[in-house]
N, C-alpha and C. Protein backbone atom coordinates (compact mmCIF):
# COMPACT_ATOMS: atom_id res chain seq x y z
N MET A 1 94.47 97.19 99.94
CA MET A 1 94.47 98.40 99.28
C MET A 1 94.82 98.03 98.28
N SER A 2 94.03 98.41 97.15
CA SER A 2 93.96 98.27 95.73
C SER A 2 94.61 99.38 94.96
N LEU A 3 95.95 99.18 93.98
CA LEU A 3 96.54 100.12 93.22
C LEU A 3 95.84 100.41 92.25
N ILE A 4 96.11 101.50 91.68
CA ILE A 4 95.52 101.88 90.48
C ILE A 4 96.10 102.66 89.78
N GLU A 5 96.21 101.76 88.41
CA GLU A 5 96.97 102.15 87.43
C GLU A 5 96.81 103.78 86.78
N GLY A 6 98.13 104.31 87.00
CA GLY A 6 98.17 105.82 86.05
C GLY A 6 97.43 106.85 87.28
N THR A 7 97.48 106.20 88.88
CA THR A 7 97.02 107.14 89.76
C THR A 7 98.38 106.60 90.99
N ASP A 8 98.31 105.40 91.40
CA ASP A 8 99.17 105.09 92.39
C ASP A 8 100.51 104.51 91.59
N PHE A 9 100.43 104.20 90.31
CA PHE A 9 102.05 103.72 89.79
C PHE A 9 101.49 103.50 88.79
N TYR A 10 102.85 103.59 88.00
CA TYR A 10 102.85 103.47 86.17
C TYR A 10 103.93 102.05 85.87
N TYR A 11 103.97 101.69 84.41
CA TYR A 11 105.03 101.10 83.77
C TYR A 11 106.20 102.10 82.97
N ASP A 12 107.32 101.98 83.69
CA ASP A 12 108.36 102.91 83.06
C ASP A 12 108.77 102.14 81.63
N VAL A 13 109.67 102.41 80.79
CA VAL A 13 109.93 102.13 79.35
C VAL A 13 110.88 100.67 79.33
N GLN A 14 111.09 100.18 80.81
CA GLN A 14 111.98 99.26 80.72
C GLN A 14 110.83 98.04 81.48
N GLY A 15 109.78 98.40 81.91
CA GLY A 15 108.28 97.54 82.40
C GLY A 15 108.32 97.54 83.78
N TYR A 16 109.28 98.17 84.45
CA TYR A 16 109.19 98.10 86.16
C TYR A 16 108.13 99.21 86.27
N MET A 17 107.32 98.36 87.73
CA MET A 17 106.12 99.25 87.89
C MET A 17 106.85 100.35 89.23
N VAL A 18 106.56 101.63 88.90
CA VAL A 18 106.97 102.84 89.20
C VAL A 18 105.97 103.33 90.10
N LEU A 19 106.11 103.41 91.63
CA LEU A 19 104.70 104.18 92.52
C LEU A 19 104.98 105.41 92.52
N THR A 20 104.20 106.19 92.42
CA THR A 20 103.66 107.70 92.24
C THR A 20 103.85 108.62 93.41
N GLU A 21 104.15 109.79 93.60
CA GLU A 21 104.50 110.52 94.46
C GLU A 21 103.07 110.45 95.61
N LYS A 22 101.83 110.29 94.87
CA LYS A 22 100.44 110.50 95.73
C LYS A 22 100.47 109.26 96.66
N TYR A 23 100.93 107.79 95.99
CA TYR A 23 101.21 106.70 96.73
C TYR A 23 101.74 106.94 97.73
N HIS A 24 102.65 107.44 97.67
CA HIS A 24 103.80 107.41 98.89
C HIS A 24 103.44 108.63 100.00
N LEU A 25 102.65 109.64 99.56
CA LEU A 25 102.30 110.46 100.61
C LEU A 25 101.15 109.90 101.30
N GLU A 26 100.01 109.01 100.59
CA GLU A 26 99.38 108.24 101.26
C GLU A 26 99.75 107.38 102.32
N LYS A 27 100.88 106.62 101.83
CA LYS A 27 101.37 105.80 102.61
C LYS A 27 102.12 106.63 103.89
N GLY A 28 102.65 107.46 103.78
CA GLY A 28 103.18 108.40 105.10
C GLY A 28 104.35 108.36 105.78
N TYR A 29 105.23 107.75 105.20
CA TYR A 29 106.44 107.30 105.31
C TYR A 29 107.42 107.14 103.96
N CYS A 30 108.89 107.18 104.38
CA CYS A 30 109.73 107.07 103.23
C CYS A 30 110.13 105.10 103.45
N CYS A 31 109.85 104.06 102.84
CA CYS A 31 110.28 102.71 103.25
C CYS A 31 111.59 102.56 102.76
N GLY A 32 112.55 103.59 102.50
CA GLY A 32 113.91 103.00 102.62
C GLY A 32 114.63 102.43 101.27
N TYR A 33 113.88 102.07 100.52
CA TYR A 33 114.10 101.76 99.09
C TYR A 33 114.63 102.65 97.91
N GLY A 34 114.65 103.66 98.13
CA GLY A 34 115.14 104.74 97.27
C GLY A 34 113.86 104.95 95.97
N CYS A 35 112.82 104.98 96.30
CA CYS A 35 111.90 105.22 95.53
C CYS A 35 112.09 106.16 94.22
N ARG A 36 112.08 106.27 93.32
CA ARG A 36 111.93 107.24 92.00
C ARG A 36 111.07 108.64 92.69
N HIS A 37 109.90 108.46 93.25
CA HIS A 37 109.18 109.40 93.40
C HIS A 37 108.86 110.08 94.81
N CYS A 38 109.86 109.34 95.82
CA CYS A 38 109.93 109.53 96.94
C CYS A 38 109.89 110.98 97.42
N PRO A 39 108.66 111.34 98.16
CA PRO A 39 108.73 113.04 98.56
C PRO A 39 109.21 113.27 99.78
N TYR A 40 109.70 112.12 100.55
CA TYR A 40 110.24 112.22 101.68
C TYR A 40 111.92 112.25 101.68
N GLN A 41 112.33 112.82 100.83
CA GLN A 41 114.11 113.31 100.40
C GLN A 41 114.73 111.76 101.03
N TYR A 42 114.08 110.97 100.73
CA TYR A 42 114.88 109.52 100.84
C TYR A 42 115.52 109.50 102.44
N GLU A 43 114.76 109.98 103.55
CA GLU A 43 114.97 109.90 104.77
C GLU A 43 115.29 108.46 105.27
N ASN A 44 114.91 107.47 105.09
CA ASN A 44 115.08 106.13 105.48
C ASN A 44 116.06 105.39 104.66
N VAL A 45 116.63 105.94 103.49
CA VAL A 45 117.32 105.18 102.68
C VAL A 45 118.98 105.45 103.38
N PRO A 46 119.38 104.11 103.26
CA PRO A 46 120.79 104.31 104.23
C PRO A 46 121.74 104.63 103.18
N GLU A 47 122.90 105.23 103.85
CA GLU A 47 123.96 105.70 103.03
C GLU A 47 125.06 104.34 102.87
N PRO A 48 125.60 104.63 101.53
CA PRO A 48 125.65 105.70 100.45
C PRO A 48 124.69 106.18 99.50
N LYS A 49 123.73 104.92 99.14
CA LYS A 49 122.92 105.13 98.40
C LYS A 49 121.94 106.55 98.57
N ARG A 50 121.66 106.88 99.37
CA ARG A 50 120.55 107.99 99.86
C ARG A 50 121.81 109.17 99.23
N SER A 51 122.75 109.44 99.41
CA SER A 51 123.59 110.62 98.79
C SER A 51 123.62 110.60 97.64
N ALA A 52 123.79 109.63 96.79
CA ALA A 52 123.70 108.99 95.18
C ALA A 52 122.46 109.52 95.00
N LEU A 53 121.45 109.07 95.40
CA LEU A 53 119.92 109.21 95.02
C LEU A 53 119.52 110.94 94.88
N THR A 54 120.03 111.54 96.33
CA THR A 54 119.84 112.94 96.34
C THR A 54 120.79 113.53 95.13
N GLU A 55 121.64 113.62 94.86
CA GLU A 55 122.79 114.04 93.99
C GLU A 55 121.77 113.75 92.58
N GLN A 56 121.31 113.05 92.20
CA GLN A 56 120.79 112.56 90.92
C GLN A 56 119.40 113.27 90.81
N ALA A 57 118.79 113.43 91.87
CA ALA A 57 117.66 114.50 91.91
C ALA A 57 118.00 115.93 91.60
N VAL A 58 119.13 116.12 92.60
CA VAL A 58 119.61 117.67 92.22
C VAL A 58 120.07 117.70 90.39
N ALA A 59 120.62 116.95 90.39
CA ALA A 59 121.04 117.17 88.91
C ALA A 59 119.86 116.84 88.12
N SER A 60 118.83 115.70 88.08
CA SER A 60 117.72 115.91 87.40
C SER A 60 116.98 117.50 87.46
N ILE A 61 117.24 117.62 88.25
CA ILE A 61 116.13 119.44 88.40
C ILE A 61 116.96 120.26 87.65
N LYS A 62 118.18 120.57 87.90
CA LYS A 62 118.88 121.61 86.99
C LYS A 62 118.96 121.36 85.60
N ASN A 63 119.13 119.67 85.36
CA ASN A 63 118.87 119.48 83.69
C ASN A 63 117.65 119.95 83.20
N ALA A 64 116.49 120.13 83.87
CA ALA A 64 115.13 120.40 83.06
C ALA A 64 114.85 121.96 83.27
N SER A 65 115.51 122.62 84.43
CA SER A 65 115.37 124.13 84.19
C SER A 65 115.67 124.82 83.13
N PRO A 66 114.89 125.41 82.29
CA PRO A 66 115.79 126.35 81.21
C PRO A 66 116.51 127.43 81.63
N GLU A 67 117.83 127.34 80.80
CA GLU A 67 118.69 128.01 80.84
C GLU A 67 118.32 129.73 81.13
N PRO A 68 118.95 130.47 82.42
CA PRO A 68 118.29 131.68 82.29
C PRO A 68 118.84 132.85 80.99
């Protein structure tokens, strides 16, 4: 399977290749590495990394939400 830049992945400001949510959904499972756009709630990531990633995700959602 060939990856398509802009659809399956992009490069972040540090130059890292970041896989998209679309790519992960097509793959069909959590790989356990703690990917930035994991749509599977990091289900295969071992603790304590899983809890830390979940906390980061919740914090970023709260920070992105407008104040009421």
